N, C-alpha and C. Protein backbone atom coordinates (compact mmCIF):
# COMPACT_ATOMS: atom_id res chain seq x y z
N UNK A 1 -3.76 -6.06 5.51
CA UNK A 1 -3.91 -5.49 7.01
C UNK A 1 -5.11 -5.19 7.69
N UNK A 2 -5.37 -5.78 8.82
CA UNK A 2 -6.24 -5.74 9.94
C UNK A 2 -6.63 -4.49 10.34
N UNK A 3 -8.04 -3.98 10.56
CA UNK A 3 -7.77 -3.07 11.34
C UNK A 3 -9.11 -3.33 12.49
N UNK A 4 -8.65 -3.21 13.33
CA UNK A 4 -9.96 -3.54 14.63
C UNK A 4 -10.66 -2.22 15.39
N UNK A 5 -11.77 -2.44 15.23
CA UNK A 5 -12.87 -1.14 15.68
C UNK A 5 -13.18 -1.80 16.82
N UNK A 6 -12.76 -1.07 18.33
CA UNK A 6 -13.43 -1.64 19.30
C UNK A 6 -14.44 -0.12 19.67
N UNK A 7 -15.64 -0.47 19.98
CA UNK A 7 -16.75 0.36 20.10
C UNK A 7 -17.17 0.12 21.21
N UNK A 8 -17.54 1.29 22.39
CA UNK A 8 -18.02 1.16 23.69
C UNK A 8 -18.75 2.62 23.89
N UNK A 9 -19.61 2.58 24.72
CA UNK A 9 -20.44 3.59 25.27
C UNK A 9 -19.74 4.54 26.07
N UNK A 10 -19.96 5.55 25.50
CA UNK A 10 -19.28 7.07 26.45
C UNK A 10 -19.68 6.69 27.94
N UNK A 11 -18.77 7.15 28.83
CA UNK A 11 -18.80 7.20 30.25
C UNK A 11 -20.23 8.14 30.43
N UNK A 12 -21.02 7.50 31.22
CA UNK A 12 -22.49 8.24 31.68
C UNK A 12 -23.38 7.88 30.92
N UNK A 13 -23.20 7.19 29.61
CA UNK A 13 -24.47 6.76 28.84
C UNK A 13 -24.84 5.66 29.66
N UNK A 14 -26.44 5.33 29.94
CA UNK A 14 -26.86 4.14 30.26
C UNK A 14 -26.37 3.06 29.44
N UNK A 15 -26.58 1.83 29.91
CA UNK A 15 -26.23 0.72 29.22
C UNK A 15 -26.74 -0.51 29.94
N UNK A 16 -28.36 -0.60 29.47
CA UNK A 16 -29.06 -1.51 29.92
C UNK A 16 -28.17 -3.18 29.92
N UNK A 17 -27.93 -3.51 28.80
CA UNK A 17 -27.65 -4.72 28.38
C UNK A 17 -26.52 -5.20 29.58
N UNK A 18 -25.55 -4.11 29.46
CA UNK A 18 -24.40 -4.21 30.48
C UNK A 18 -25.11 -4.18 32.05
N UNK A 19 -25.93 -3.78 32.09
CA UNK A 19 -26.43 -4.11 33.89
C UNK A 19 -27.02 -5.15 33.98
N UNK A 20 -27.79 -5.36 33.18
CA UNK A 20 -28.56 -7.08 33.44
C UNK A 20 -27.79 -7.84 33.43
N UNK A 21 -26.42 -8.01 32.41
CA UNK A 21 -25.11 -9.24 32.67
C UNK A 21 -24.57 -9.12 33.89
N UNK A 22 -24.64 -7.82 34.19
CA UNK A 22 -23.57 -7.71 35.73
C UNK A 22 -24.79 -8.65 36.75
N UNK A 23 -25.89 -8.15 36.59
CA UNK A 23 -26.99 -8.57 37.65
C UNK A 23 -27.21 -9.97 37.37
N UNK A 24 -27.02 -10.53 36.35
CA UNK A 24 -27.10 -12.16 36.00
C UNK A 24 -25.81 -12.91 36.51
N UNK A 25 -24.74 -12.17 36.48
CA UNK A 25 -23.57 -12.76 36.69
C UNK A 25 -23.41 -12.60 38.29
N UNK A 26 -24.08 -11.64 38.95
CA UNK A 26 -24.17 -11.84 40.36
C UNK A 26 -24.99 -12.82 40.89
N UNK A 27 -26.13 -12.83 40.25
CA UNK A 27 -27.20 -13.96 40.67
C UNK A 27 -26.33 -15.64 40.31
N UNK A 28 -25.60 -15.78 39.63
CA UNK A 28 -25.05 -17.09 39.35
C UNK A 28 -23.71 -17.28 40.19
N UNK A 29 -23.25 -16.01 41.16
CA UNK A 29 -22.47 -16.58 41.94
C UNK A 29 -21.06 -15.67 41.77
N UNK A 30 -21.04 -15.02 40.46
CA UNK A 30 -19.70 -14.16 40.23
C UNK A 30 -19.78 -12.93 40.82
N UNK A 31 -19.06 -12.91 42.28
CA UNK A 31 -19.09 -11.93 42.90
C UNK A 31 -17.99 -10.84 42.71
N UNK A 32 -17.08 -11.12 41.67
CA UNK A 32 -15.91 -10.39 41.53
C UNK A 32 -16.19 -9.34 40.04
N UNK A 33 -17.32 -9.48 39.72
CA UNK A 33 -17.41 -8.66 38.68
C UNK A 33 -17.97 -7.48 39.14
N UNK A 34 -17.34 -6.14 39.19
CA UNK A 34 -18.00 -4.82 39.92
C UNK A 34 -18.88 -4.43 38.99
N UNK A 35 -18.70 -4.54 37.82
CA UNK A 35 -19.16 -3.71 36.64
C UNK A 35 -19.11 -4.48 35.35
N UNK A 36 -19.97 -4.19 34.29
CA UNK A 36 -19.91 -5.03 33.09
C UNK A 36 -20.50 -3.72 32.25
N UNK A 37 -19.66 -3.74 31.07
CA UNK A 37 -19.92 -2.64 30.15
C UNK A 37 -20.27 -3.49 28.52
N UNK A 38 -20.85 -3.66 28.26
CA UNK A 38 -21.02 -4.17 26.67
C UNK A 38 -20.95 -3.25 25.72
N UNK A 39 -20.18 -4.24 24.65
CA UNK A 39 -19.42 -3.00 23.49
C UNK A 39 -19.77 -4.00 22.19
N UNK A 40 -19.05 -3.21 21.14
CA UNK A 40 -18.89 -4.11 19.94
C UNK A 40 -17.36 -4.05 19.50
N UNK A 41 -17.06 -4.95 18.49
CA UNK A 41 -16.05 -5.21 17.83
C UNK A 41 -16.16 -5.28 16.11
N UNK A 42 -15.28 -4.31 15.33
CA UNK A 42 -15.47 -4.46 13.83
C UNK A 42 -14.35 -5.09 13.49
N UNK A 43 -13.94 -6.12 12.89
CA UNK A 43 -12.60 -6.12 12.07
C UNK A 43 -13.02 -5.81 10.50
N UNK A 44 -11.81 -5.15 10.03
CA UNK A 44 -12.05 -4.46 8.62
C UNK A 44 -10.67 -5.23 8.03
N UNK A 45 -10.70 -5.92 7.00
CA UNK A 45 -9.64 -6.58 6.30
C UNK A 45 -9.57 -5.24 5.25
N UNK A 46 -8.24 -4.82 5.15
CA UNK A 46 -8.04 -3.76 4.20
C UNK A 46 -7.05 -4.11 3.44
N UNK A 47 -7.07 -3.08 2.25
CA UNK A 47 -5.87 -3.62 1.13
C UNK A 47 -4.59 -2.66 1.42
N UNK A 48 -4.79 -1.91 2.43
CA UNK A 48 -3.58 -1.05 2.85
C UNK A 48 -2.47 -1.81 3.49
N UNK A 49 -1.32 -1.34 2.83
CA UNK A 49 0.01 -2.23 3.73
C UNK A 49 0.50 -1.17 4.81
N UNK A 50 0.10 -0.06 4.77
CA UNK A 50 0.52 0.99 5.66
C UNK A 50 -0.06 1.32 6.82
N UNK A 51 0.25 1.04 7.98
CA UNK A 51 -0.61 1.23 9.27
C UNK A 51 -1.16 2.86 9.14
N UNK A 52 -0.51 3.56 9.12
CA UNK A 52 -1.19 4.71 9.09
C UNK A 52 -2.44 4.74 8.10
N UNK A 53 -2.25 4.57 6.94
CA UNK A 53 -3.38 4.85 5.83
C UNK A 53 -4.36 3.85 6.29
N UNK A 54 -3.98 2.76 7.15
CA UNK A 54 -5.24 1.69 7.16
C UNK A 54 -6.17 2.36 8.11
N UNK A 55 -5.49 2.98 9.47
CA UNK A 55 -6.12 3.71 10.36
C UNK A 55 -6.82 4.78 10.11
N UNK A 56 -6.24 5.49 9.20
CA UNK A 56 -6.94 7.07 8.77
C UNK A 56 -8.21 6.99 8.00
N UNK A 57 -8.12 5.68 6.87
CA UNK A 57 -9.41 4.86 6.46
C UNK A 57 -10.21 4.40 7.39
N UNK A 58 -9.75 3.49 8.29
CA UNK A 58 -10.92 3.06 9.22
C UNK A 58 -11.47 4.05 10.00
N UNK A 59 -10.74 5.08 10.77
CA UNK A 59 -11.26 6.20 11.13
C UNK A 59 -12.44 6.89 10.68
N UNK A 60 -12.15 7.24 9.29
CA UNK A 60 -13.07 8.15 8.31
C UNK A 60 -14.36 6.99 8.49
N UNK A 61 -14.53 5.68 8.12
CA UNK A 61 -15.60 4.89 8.28
C UNK A 61 -16.13 4.72 9.33
N UNK A 62 -15.32 5.01 10.37
CA UNK A 62 -16.36 5.07 11.96
C UNK A 62 -16.85 6.45 12.07
N UNK A 63 -16.41 7.33 11.51
CA UNK A 63 -16.67 9.00 11.56
C UNK A 63 -18.21 8.75 10.60
N UNK A 64 -18.16 8.17 9.37
CA UNK A 64 -19.08 8.12 8.39
C UNK A 64 -20.65 7.31 8.50
N UNK A 65 -19.83 6.02 9.25
CA UNK A 65 -21.29 5.01 9.59
C UNK A 65 -21.06 3.99 10.52
N UNK A 66 -19.61 3.51 11.06
CA UNK A 66 -19.93 2.45 12.19
C UNK A 66 -20.25 3.19 13.71
N UNK A 67 -19.36 4.14 13.86
CA UNK A 67 -19.70 4.87 15.41
C UNK A 67 -20.88 6.11 15.48
N UNK A 68 -21.73 5.80 16.33
CA UNK A 68 -22.28 7.12 16.71
C UNK A 68 -21.64 7.79 17.60
N UNK A 69 -21.16 8.68 17.31
CA UNK A 69 -19.95 9.65 18.10
C UNK A 69 -20.72 10.45 19.26
N UNK A 70 -21.93 10.58 19.11
CA UNK A 70 -22.87 11.09 20.17
C UNK A 70 -22.67 10.34 21.42
N UNK A 71 -22.87 9.14 21.60
CA UNK A 71 -23.10 8.13 22.50
C UNK A 71 -21.94 7.06 22.68
N UNK A 72 -21.02 6.95 21.77
CA UNK A 72 -20.29 6.11 21.39
C UNK A 72 -18.89 6.57 21.65
N UNK A 73 -17.77 5.79 22.28
CA UNK A 73 -16.08 6.43 21.60
C UNK A 73 -15.63 5.01 20.96
N UNK A 74 -14.51 4.95 20.24
CA UNK A 74 -14.01 3.76 19.75
C UNK A 74 -12.24 4.06 19.74
N UNK A 75 -11.79 2.96 19.55
CA UNK A 75 -10.42 2.95 19.10
C UNK A 75 -10.08 1.80 18.30
N UNK A 76 -8.76 2.27 17.74
CA UNK A 76 -8.03 1.38 16.30
C UNK A 76 -7.06 0.83 16.58
N UNK A 77 -6.84 -0.38 16.18
CA UNK A 77 -5.70 -1.09 16.22
C UNK A 77 -5.48 -1.81 15.02
N UNK A 78 -4.35 -1.95 14.34
CA UNK A 78 -4.10 -2.70 13.19
C UNK A 78 -3.17 -3.99 13.60
N UNK A 79 -3.45 -5.07 12.83
CA UNK A 79 -2.53 -6.56 13.30
C UNK A 79 -2.32 -7.04 11.59
């Protein structure tokens, strides 16, 4: 089973990469993009066959290493 971890900055945390990308899109003529946020995605292939166990394991990985909980939020989904 795969667990997909989507990580993004918490609301109110400065995102200079997102701001620079937004400005570049505006300069290229893409006027429909009102805001841009940059995040990251981590895909974990697990040996778990149970979705609940896979998510619990991934949540612990996020807490221990993958996510800086001071400035980042995350979501988990299984495939």
